[in-house]
Amino acid sequence: MKKTNYRVSRRTFLSQSGKATLALGIGSSLVGSAFLTACAGGSEGGESAKSILSTGFEQMPLGYDYTALEPHIDAMTMEIHYTKHAAAYAKNTVEAAGEEGVDMSKPLEEVLMNMSKYSTKMRNNGGGHYNHELFWKIMSPNGGGQPGGDLAEAINGAFGSFEEFQTKFEDAAKGRFGSGWAWLVLDKNNLLQIGSTPNQDNPLMDISDFQGIPLVGIDVWEHAYYLNYQNRRPDYISAFWNIIDWSEVEKRYNTLMQG
């Protein structure tokens, strides 16, 4: 696991730390408490905080055609990735939830935050389902560019510049040995962190040694890029900046900060 910590403003840190403290006892950790507190918050643009941040147990429809992200992600990869790999994770997550008595009316995140209580089947598939649902949501055929508003200010303040942020995020993604994910998260102390997790683990899991609430995640399993990029993982990671939907990431960030 590789991670880099970046401190946000003192005012923001104190504000968010206070909110997390009020939430103690709701979740299994301060990360979980902060997430649940944010979900119970207000709305942005007519959307509830829960709908912006939380994930269900069923696979959601893809918000664009399989061809929409070309040439950065080819149509065949998108179709196989969504209909085979991600669909299997979703199916197996529902199976595991049924076997383990999980209340599927609650967000999947509540399971992830207490993953130490569940089976390996739930860990692998629940993690895979959550990770992919976020991945689809933060990509768009109209993506690319740079974030704006408070998120842009936070990235510049934390990393020095957007370009420095890109470099550190790419390093985390390229440096993940084998299969896994790279992430930008807010941690329990409201620090911006970049890191990675193996396999289908993610930073919400209480068993992960890299923890936080995900804002951005990139899949670096070979099935995510091999048809088009073969062994050139760095090229795939670089192409990701052309399709990342910063408006969606901003929405997650703003909702967490207001929660």
C-alpha atoms as a PDB file:
ATOM      1  CA  MET A   1       0.000   0.000   0.000  1.00  0.00           C
ATOM      2  CA  LYS A   2       1.272   3.427  -0.934  1.00  0.00           C
ATOM      3  CA  LYS A   3      -0.252   6.660   0.281  1.00  0.00           C
ATOM      4  CA  THR A   4       0.451  10.360   0.458  1.00  0.00           C
ATOM      5  CA  ASN A   5      -1.202  12.592   3.043  1.00  0.00           C
ATOM      6  CA  TYR A   6      -2.180  16.198   2.391  1.00  0.00           C
ATOM      7  CA  ARG A   7      -3.693  18.505   4.979  1.00  0.00           C
ATOM      8  CA  VAL A   8      -6.639  20.720   4.056  1.00  0.00           C
ATOM      9  CA  SER A   9      -7.282  24.121   5.622  1.00  0.00           C
ATOM     10  CA  ARG A  10      -7.393  24.401   9.424  1.00  0.00           C
ATOM     11  CA  ARG A  11     -10.929  25.844   9.260  1.00  0.00           C
ATOM     12  CA  THR A  12     -12.192  22.926   7.176  1.00  0.00           C
ATOM     13  CA  PHE A  13     -10.368  20.397   9.340  1.00  0.00           C
ATOM     14  CA  LEU A  14     -11.903  21.717  12.553  1.00  0.00           C
ATOM     15  CA  SER A  15     -15.350  21.902  11.006  1.00  0.00           C
ATOM     16  CA  GLN A  16     -15.337  18.371   9.670  1.00  0.00           C
ATOM     17  CA  SER A  17     -13.628  16.878  12.734  1.00  0.00           C
ATOM     18  CA  GLY A  18     -16.403  18.269  14.877  1.00  0.00           C
ATOM     19  CA  LYS A  19     -19.041  16.701  12.667  1.00  0.00           C
ATOM     20  CA  ALA A  20     -17.279  13.363  12.758  1.00  0.00           C
ATOM     21  CA  THR A  21     -17.046  13.512  16.545  1.00  0.00           C
ATOM     22  CA  LEU A  22     -20.790  14.086  16.796  1.00  0.00           C
ATOM     23  CA  ALA A  23     -21.287  10.983  14.692  1.00  0.00           C
ATOM     24  CA  LEU A  24     -19.311   8.620  16.960  1.00  0.00           C
ATOM     25  CA  GLY A  25     -21.177   5.415  17.615  1.00  0.00           C
ATOM     26  CA  ILE A  26     -23.087   5.485  14.326  1.00  0.00           C
ATOM     27  CA  GLY A  27     -20.483   3.637  12.286  1.00  0.00           C
ATOM     28  CA  SER A  28     -17.596   1.309  12.935  1.00  0.00           C
ATOM     29  CA  SER A  29     -15.002   4.093  12.636  1.00  0.00           C
ATOM     30  CA  LEU A  30     -14.650   7.823  12.242  1.00  0.00           C
ATOM     31  CA  VAL A  31     -14.526   7.240   8.480  1.00  0.00           C
ATOM     32  CA  GLY A  32     -17.831   5.380   8.663  1.00  0.00           C
ATOM     33  CA  SER A  33     -19.330   7.936  10.995  1.00  0.00           C
ATOM     34  CA  ALA A  34     -18.378  10.811   8.699  1.00  0.00           C
ATOM     35  CA  PHE A  35     -19.880   9.000   5.737  1.00  0.00           C
ATOM     36  CA  LEU A  36     -23.170   8.275   7.506  1.00  0.00           C
ATOM     37  CA  THR A  37     -23.351  11.833   8.822  1.00  0.00           C
ATOM     38  CA  ALA A  38     -22.892  13.173   5.292  1.00  0.00           C
ATOM     39  CA  CYS A  39     -25.588  10.826   3.961  1.00  0.00           C
ATOM     40  CA  ALA A  40     -28.017  12.229   6.514  1.00  0.00           C
ATOM     41  CA  GLY A  41     -27.286  15.773   5.387  1.00  0.00           C
ATOM     42  CA  GLY A  42     -29.097  18.071   3.002  1.00  0.00           C
ATOM     43  CA  SER A  43     -29.191  18.077  -0.783  1.00  0.00           C
ATOM     44  CA  GLU A  44     -27.346  19.484  -3.755  1.00  0.00           C
ATOM     45  CA  GLY A  45     -29.190  20.538  -6.885  1.00  0.00           C
ATOM     46  CA  GLY A  46     -32.302  18.669  -5.802  1.00  0.00           C
ATOM     47  CA  GLU A  47     -30.439  15.392  -5.092  1.00  0.00           C
ATOM     48  CA  SER A  48     -30.342  13.986  -1.583  1.00  0.00           C
ATOM     49  CA  ALA A  49     -26.991  13.446   0.063  1.00  0.00           C
ATOM     50  CA  LYS A  50     -27.813   9.756   0.396  1.00  0.00           C
ATOM     51  CA  SER A  51     -28.490   9.382  -3.335  1.00  0.00           C
ATOM     52  CA  ILE A  52     -25.209  11.095  -4.177  1.00  0.00           C
ATOM     53  CA  LEU A  53     -23.022   9.088  -1.817  1.00  0.00           C
ATOM     54  CA  SER A  54     -24.638   5.716  -1.125  1.00  0.00           C
ATOM     55  CA  THR A  55     -24.606   2.515  -3.167  1.00  0.00           C
ATOM     56  CA  GLY A  56     -27.280  -0.177  -3.440  1.00  0.00           C
ATOM     57  CA  PHE A  57     -26.800  -3.907  -3.848  1.00  0.00           C
ATOM     58  CA  GLU A  58     -28.121  -4.141  -7.421  1.00  0.00           C
ATOM     59  CA  GLN A  59     -26.131  -3.156 -10.505  1.00  0.00           C
ATOM     60  CA  MET A  60     -27.313   0.205 -11.818  1.00  0.00           C
ATOM     61  CA  PRO A  61     -27.758   0.864 -15.561  1.00  0.00           C
ATOM     62  CA  LEU A  62     -24.702   2.285 -17.273  1.00  0.00           C
ATOM     63  CA  GLY A  63     -25.210   5.988 -17.874  1.00  0.00           C
ATOM     64  CA  TYR A  64     -23.754   5.960 -21.405  1.00  0.00           C
ATOM     65  CA  ASP A  65     -23.256   3.631 -24.375  1.00  0.00           C
ATOM     66  CA  TYR A  66     -20.378   1.164 -24.492  1.00  0.00           C
ATOM     67  CA  THR A  67     -18.876   3.229 -27.326  1.00  0.00           C
ATOM     68  CA  ALA A  68     -19.182   6.540 -25.475  1.00  0.00           C
ATOM     69  CA  LEU A  69     -15.734   6.597 -23.881  1.00  0.00           C
ATOM     70  CA  GLU A  70     -13.791   5.749 -27.041  1.00  0.00           C
ATOM     71  CA  PRO A  71     -10.976   6.047 -27.929  1.00  0.00           C
ATOM     72  CA  HIS A  72      -9.885   6.155 -24.280  1.00  0.00           C
ATOM     73  CA  ILE A  73     -11.796   2.996 -23.330  1.00  0.00           C
ATOM     74  CA  ASP A  74     -12.912   0.837 -26.241  1.00  0.00           C
ATOM     75  CA  ALA A  75     -16.467  -0.469 -26.621  1.00  0.00           C
ATOM     76  CA  MET A  76     -15.572  -4.156 -26.269  1.00  0.00           C
ATOM     77  CA  THR A  77     -13.718  -3.562 -23.016  1.00  0.00           C
ATOM     78  CA  MET A  78     -16.629  -1.520 -21.664  1.00  0.00           C
ATOM     79  CA  GLU A  79     -19.194  -4.162 -22.593  1.00  0.00           C
ATOM     80  CA  ILE A  80     -17.210  -7.070 -21.159  1.00  0.00           C
ATOM     81  CA  HIS A  81     -16.251  -5.100 -18.083  1.00  0.00           C
ATOM     82  CA  TYR A  82     -19.819  -4.016 -17.308  1.00  0.00           C
ATOM     83  CA  THR A  83     -21.845  -7.071 -18.384  1.00  0.00           C
ATOM     84  CA  LYS A  84     -19.436  -9.805 -17.264  1.00  0.00           C
ATOM     85  CA  HIS A  85     -17.032  -8.694 -14.538  1.00  0.00           C
ATOM     86  CA  ALA A  86     -19.110  -6.041 -12.761  1.00  0.00           C
ATOM     87  CA  ALA A  87     -22.389  -7.905 -13.248  1.00  0.00           C
ATOM     88  CA  ALA A  88     -20.892 -10.978 -11.584  1.00  0.00           C
ATOM     89  CA  TYR A  89     -19.762  -8.931  -8.589  1.00  0.00           C
ATOM     90  CA  ALA A  90     -23.263  -7.494  -8.211  1.00  0.00           C
ATOM     91  CA  LYS A  91     -24.937 -10.907  -8.482  1.00  0.00           C
ATOM     92  CA  ASN A  92     -22.561 -12.475  -5.990  1.00  0.00           C
ATOM     93  CA  THR A  93     -22.940  -9.551  -3.582  1.00  0.00           C
ATOM     94  CA  VAL A  94     -26.705 -10.105  -3.457  1.00  0.00           C
ATOM     95  CA  GLU A  95     -26.111 -13.822  -2.904  1.00  0.00           C
ATOM     96  CA  ALA A  96     -23.679 -13.164  -0.068  1.00  0.00           C
ATOM     97  CA  ALA A  97     -26.050 -10.642   1.506  1.00  0.00           C
ATOM     98  CA  GLY A  98     -28.823 -13.216   1.505  1.00  0.00           C
ATOM     99  CA  GLU A  99     -26.583 -15.881   3.000  1.00  0.00           C
ATOM    100  CA  GLU A 100     -25.291 -13.565   5.712  1.00  0.00           C
ATOM    101  CA  GLY A 101     -28.551 -11.887   6.688  1.00  0.00           C
ATOM    102  CA  VAL A 102     -27.679  -8.402   5.431  1.00  0.00           C
ATOM    103  CA  ASP A 103     -30.448  -5.787   5.272  1.00  0.00           C
ATOM    104  CA  MET A 104     -30.252  -4.774   1.608  1.00  0.00           C
ATOM    105  CA  SER A 105     -32.481  -1.738   2.176  1.00  0.00           C
ATOM    106  CA  LYS A 106     -29.465  -0.058   3.770  1.00  0.00           C
ATOM    107  CA  PRO A 107     -26.459   1.264   1.830  1.00  0.00           C
ATOM    108  CA  LEU A 108     -23.781  -1.227   0.849  1.00  0.00           C
ATOM    109  CA  GLU A 109     -21.296   1.122   2.491  1.00  0.00           C
ATOM    110  CA  GLU A 110     -22.529  -0.016   5.922  1.00  0.00           C
ATOM    111  CA  VAL A 111     -21.354  -3.549   5.094  1.00  0.00           C
ATOM    112  CA  LEU A 112     -18.019  -2.308   3.787  1.00  0.00           C
ATOM    113  CA  MET A 113     -17.378  -0.269   6.926  1.00  0.00           C
ATOM    114  CA  ASN A 114     -17.896  -3.447   8.981  1.00  0.00           C
ATOM    115  CA  MET A 115     -16.262  -5.888   6.565  1.00  0.00           C
ATOM    116  CA  SER A 116     -14.357  -7.664   9.331  1.00  0.00           C
ATOM    117  CA  LYS A 117     -17.690  -9.229  10.360  1.00  0.00           C
ATOM    118  CA  TYR A 118     -18.382 -10.727   6.932  1.00  0.00           C
ATOM    119  CA  SER A 119     -17.103 -13.501   4.680  1.00  0.00           C
ATOM    120  CA  THR A 120     -14.404 -13.493   2.040  1.00  0.00           C
ATOM    121  CA  LYS A 121     -17.194 -13.847  -0.519  1.00  0.00           C
ATOM    122  CA  MET A 122     -18.733 -10.598   0.697  1.00  0.00           C
ATOM    123  CA  ARG A 123     -15.349  -8.876   0.805  1.00  0.00           C
ATOM    124  CA  ASN A 124     -14.406  -9.772  -2.759  1.00  0.00           C
ATOM    125  CA  ASN A 125     -17.807  -9.237  -4.342  1.00  0.00           C
ATOM    126  CA  GLY A 126     -19.164  -6.417  -2.199  1.00  0.00           C
ATOM    127  CA  GLY A 127     -15.917  -4.548  -2.755  1.00  0.00           C
ATOM    128  CA  GLY A 128     -15.965  -5.281  -6.472  1.00  0.00           C
ATOM    129  CA  HIS A 129     -19.562  -4.133  -6.791  1.00  0.00           C
ATOM    130  CA  TYR A 130     -18.997  -0.877  -4.887  1.00  0.00           C
ATOM    131  CA  ASN A 131     -15.761  -0.088  -6.721  1.00  0.00           C
ATOM    132  CA  HIS A 132     -17.301  -0.549 -10.156  1.00  0.00           C
ATOM    133  CA  GLU A 133     -20.482   1.373  -9.359  1.00  0.00           C
ATOM    134  CA  LEU A 134     -18.328   4.346  -8.378  1.00  0.00           C
ATOM    135  CA  PHE A 135     -16.045   3.885 -11.391  1.00  0.00           C
ATOM    136  CA  TRP A 136     -18.917   4.042 -13.911  1.00  0.00           C
ATOM    137  CA  LYS A 137     -20.374   7.087 -12.168  1.00  0.00           C
ATOM    138  CA  ILE A 138     -17.221   9.209 -12.243  1.00  0.00           C
ATOM    139  CA  MET A 139     -16.589   8.712 -15.970  1.00  0.00           C
ATOM    140  CA  SER A 140     -18.383  10.503 -18.807  1.00  0.00           C
ATOM    141  CA  PRO A 141     -18.042  11.047 -22.560  1.00  0.00           C
ATOM    142  CA  ASN A 142     -18.140  14.748 -21.651  1.00  0.00           C
ATOM    143  CA  GLY A 143     -15.415  14.374 -19.051  1.00  0.00           C
ATOM    144  CA  GLY A 144     -11.885  15.649 -18.893  1.00  0.00           C
ATOM    145  CA  GLY A 145     -10.496  19.050 -18.105  1.00  0.00           C
ATOM    146  CA  GLN A 146     -10.088  20.109 -14.504  1.00  0.00           C
ATOM    147  CA  PRO A 147     -12.411  20.446 -11.522  1.00  0.00           C
ATOM    148  CA  GLY A 148     -13.814  23.787 -10.503  1.00  0.00           C
ATOM    149  CA  GLY A 149     -15.174  25.442  -7.395  1.00  0.00           C
ATOM    150  CA  ASP A 150     -14.252  24.255  -3.923  1.00  0.00           C
ATOM    151  CA  LEU A 151     -12.772  20.981  -5.172  1.00  0.00           C
ATOM    152  CA  ALA A 152     -10.311  22.798  -7.419  1.00  0.00           C
ATOM    153  CA  GLU A 153      -9.316  25.036  -4.530  1.00  0.00           C
ATOM    154  CA  ALA A 154      -8.879  22.026  -2.248  1.00  0.00           C
ATOM    155  CA  ILE A 155      -6.744  20.127  -4.767  1.00  0.00           C
ATOM    156  CA  ASN A 156      -4.546  23.133  -5.420  1.00  0.00           C
ATOM    157  CA  GLY A 157      -4.190  23.770  -1.709  1.00  0.00           C
ATOM    158  CA  ALA A 158      -3.422  20.165  -0.862  1.00  0.00           C
ATOM    159  CA  PHE A 159      -1.144  19.191  -3.745  1.00  0.00           C
ATOM    160  CA  GLY A 160       0.253  22.512  -4.902  1.00  0.00           C
ATOM    161  CA  SER A 161      -1.318  22.257  -8.353  1.00  0.00           C
ATOM    162  CA  PHE A 162      -3.639  20.076 -10.379  1.00  0.00           C
ATOM    163  CA  GLU A 163      -0.635  18.764 -12.302  1.00  0.00           C
ATOM    164  CA  GLU A 164       1.077  17.658  -9.082  1.00  0.00           C
ATOM    165  CA  PHE A 165      -2.113  15.891  -8.044  1.00  0.00           C
ATOM    166  CA  GLN A 166      -2.219  14.060 -11.393  1.00  0.00           C
ATOM    167  CA  THR A 167       1.377  12.930 -11.033  1.00  0.00           C
ATOM    168  CA  LYS A 168       0.874  11.554  -7.525  1.00  0.00           C
ATOM    169  CA  PHE A 169      -2.375   9.822  -8.458  1.00  0.00           C
ATOM    170  CA  GLU A 170      -0.770   8.240 -11.525  1.00  0.00           C
ATOM    171  CA  ASP A 171       2.161   7.067  -9.434  1.00  0.00           C
ATOM    172  CA  ALA A 172      -0.230   5.325  -7.013  1.00  0.00           C
ATOM    173  CA  ALA A 173      -2.065   3.642  -9.888  1.00  0.00           C
ATOM    174  CA  LYS A 174       1.087   2.585 -11.714  1.00  0.00           C
ATOM    175  CA  GLY A 175       2.723   1.412  -8.504  1.00  0.00           C
ATOM    176  CA  ARG A 176      -0.068  -0.944  -7.419  1.00  0.00           C
ATOM    177  CA  PHE A 177       1.477  -4.383  -7.856  1.00  0.00           C
ATOM    178  CA  GLY A 178      -0.858  -6.836  -9.558  1.00  0.00           C
ATOM    179  CA  SER A 179      -4.579  -6.108  -9.530  1.00  0.00           C
ATOM    180  CA  GLY A 180      -6.231  -3.351  -7.548  1.00  0.00           C
ATOM    181  CA  TRP A 181      -7.381   0.254  -7.444  1.00  0.00           C
ATOM    182  CA  ALA A 182      -5.942   3.726  -6.873  1.00  0.00           C
ATOM    183  CA  TRP A 183      -7.924   6.312  -4.934  1.00  0.00           C
ATOM    184  CA  LEU A 184      -8.361   9.924  -3.925  1.00  0.00           C
ATOM    185  CA  VAL A 185     -10.123   9.994  -0.553  1.00  0.00           C
ATOM    186  CA  LEU A 186     -11.023  12.097   2.448  1.00  0.00           C
ATOM    187  CA  ASP A 187      -9.860  10.314   5.574  1.00  0.00           C
ATOM    188  CA  LYS A 188     -11.222  10.331   9.142  1.00  0.00           C
ATOM    189  CA  ASN A 189      -9.284  13.506   9.973  1.00  0.00           C
ATOM    190  CA  ASN A 190     -10.429  15.247   6.804  1.00  0.00           C
ATOM    191  CA  LEU A 191      -7.052  14.882   5.141  1.00  0.00           C
ATOM    192  CA  LEU A 192      -6.892  14.409   1.404  1.00  0.00           C
ATOM    193  CA  GLN A 193      -5.012  11.202   0.658  1.00  0.00           C
ATOM    194  CA  ILE A 194      -3.899   9.341  -2.427  1.00  0.00           C
ATOM    195  CA  GLY A 195      -3.328   5.608  -2.109  1.00  0.00           C
ATOM    196  CA  SER A 196      -4.149   2.192  -3.488  1.00  0.00           C
ATOM    197  CA  THR A 197      -5.727  -1.074  -2.404  1.00  0.00           C
ATOM    198  CA  PRO A 198      -5.252  -4.644  -3.664  1.00  0.00           C
ATOM    199  CA  ASN A 199      -7.807  -6.745  -5.509  1.00  0.00           C
ATOM    200  CA  GLN A 200     -11.350  -5.444  -4.859  1.00  0.00           C
ATOM    201  CA  ASP A 201     -10.644  -3.923  -1.450  1.00  0.00           C
ATOM    202  CA  ASN A 202     -11.463  -0.258  -0.973  1.00  0.00           C
ATOM    203  CA  PRO A 203     -10.753   2.482   1.583  1.00  0.00           C
ATOM    204  CA  LEU A 204     -14.179   2.202   3.248  1.00  0.00           C
ATOM    205  CA  MET A 205     -13.400  -1.291   4.550  1.00  0.00           C
ATOM    206  CA  ASP A 206     -12.461  -1.508   8.222  1.00  0.00           C
ATOM    207  CA  ILE A 207      -9.916  -4.191   7.283  1.00  0.00           C
ATOM    208  CA  SER A 208      -8.058  -1.942   4.836  1.00  0.00           C
ATOM    209  CA  ASP A 209      -4.771  -0.337   5.818  1.00  0.00           C
ATOM    210  CA  PHE A 210      -5.647   2.605   3.564  1.00  0.00           C
ATOM    211  CA  GLN A 211      -8.903   4.185   4.688  1.00  0.00           C
ATOM    212  CA  GLY A 212     -11.088   7.107   3.704  1.00  0.00           C
ATOM    213  CA  ILE A 213     -14.212   8.062   1.813  1.00  0.00           C
ATOM    214  CA  PRO A 214     -13.564   7.646  -1.925  1.00  0.00           C
ATOM    215  CA  LEU A 215     -13.860  10.624  -4.251  1.00  0.00           C
ATOM    216  CA  VAL A 216     -12.062   9.112  -7.256  1.00  0.00           C
ATOM    217  CA  GLY A 217     -11.115   5.513  -8.005  1.00  0.00           C
ATOM    218  CA  ILE A 218      -9.460   3.937 -11.036  1.00  0.00           C
ATOM    219  CA  ASP A 219      -9.562   0.222 -11.799  1.00  0.00           C
ATOM    220  CA  VAL A 220      -6.093  -1.123 -12.584  1.00  0.00           C
ATOM    221  CA  TRP A 221      -7.068  -4.773 -13.023  1.00  0.00           C
ATOM    222  CA  GLU A 222      -5.897  -5.904 -16.460  1.00  0.00           C
ATOM    223  CA  HIS A 223      -9.466  -6.599 -17.593  1.00  0.00           C
ATOM    224  CA  ALA A 224     -10.084  -2.832 -17.394  1.00  0.00           C
ATOM    225  CA  TYR A 225      -7.583  -1.999 -20.127  1.00  0.00           C
ATOM    226  CA  TYR A 226      -5.791  -4.996 -21.661  1.00  0.00           C
ATOM    227  CA  LEU A 227      -7.728  -5.298 -24.952  1.00  0.00           C
ATOM    228  CA  ASN A 228      -6.765  -1.778 -25.955  1.00  0.00           C
ATOM    229  CA  TYR A 229      -3.556  -1.070 -24.032  1.00  0.00           C
ATOM    230  CA  GLN A 230      -2.111  -4.579 -23.527  1.00  0.00           C
ATOM    231  CA  ASN A 231       0.609  -4.214 -20.868  1.00  0.00           C
ATOM    232  CA  ARG A 232       0.756  -0.406 -21.138  1.00  0.00           C
ATOM    233  CA  ARG A 233      -0.987   0.414 -17.872  1.00  0.00           C
ATOM    234  CA  PRO A 234       0.536   3.935 -17.741  1.00  0.00           C
ATOM    235  CA  ASP A 235      -1.122   4.821 -21.072  1.00  0.00           C
ATOM    236  CA  TYR A 236      -4.518   3.716 -19.773  1.00  0.00           C
ATOM    237  CA  ILE A 237      -4.034   5.720 -16.577  1.00  0.00           C
ATOM    238  CA  SER A 238      -3.053   8.804 -18.564  1.00  0.00           C
ATOM    239  CA  ALA A 239      -6.138   8.410 -20.787  1.00  0.00           C
ATOM    240  CA  PHE A 240      -8.379   8.351 -17.706  1.00  0.00           C
ATOM    241  CA  TRP A 241      -8.002  12.127 -17.330  1.00  0.00           C
ATOM    242  CA  ASN A 242      -9.881  12.578 -20.615  1.00  0.00           C
ATOM    243  CA  ILE A 243     -13.039  10.872 -19.330  1.00  0.00           C
ATOM    244  CA  ILE A 244     -13.180  11.620 -15.615  1.00  0.00           C
ATOM    245  CA  ASP A 245     -16.416  13.437 -14.779  1.00  0.00           C
ATOM    246  CA  TRP A 246     -15.264  16.203 -12.463  1.00  0.00           C
ATOM    247  CA  SER A 247     -18.822  17.450 -11.979  1.00  0.00           C
ATOM    248  CA  GLU A 248     -19.687  14.127 -10.322  1.00  0.00           C
ATOM    249  CA  VAL A 249     -16.539  14.172  -8.201  1.00  0.00           C
ATOM    250  CA  GLU A 250     -17.288  17.759  -7.159  1.00  0.00           C
ATOM    251  CA  LYS A 251     -20.785  16.675  -6.154  1.00  0.00           C
ATOM    252  CA  ARG A 252     -19.368  13.966  -3.889  1.00  0.00           C
ATOM    253  CA  TYR A 253     -16.815  16.333  -2.407  1.00  0.00           C
ATOM    254  CA  ASN A 254     -19.311  19.127  -1.751  1.00  0.00           C
ATOM    255  CA  THR A 255     -21.800  16.731  -0.187  1.00  0.00           C
ATOM    256  CA  LEU A 256     -19.174  15.330   2.179  1.00  0.00           C
ATOM    257  CA  MET A 257     -17.954  18.787   3.146  1.00  0.00           C
ATOM    258  CA  GLN A 258     -21.492  19.977   3.853  1.00  0.00           C
ATOM    259  CA  GLY A 259     -22.568  16.807   5.657  1.00  0.00           C
END
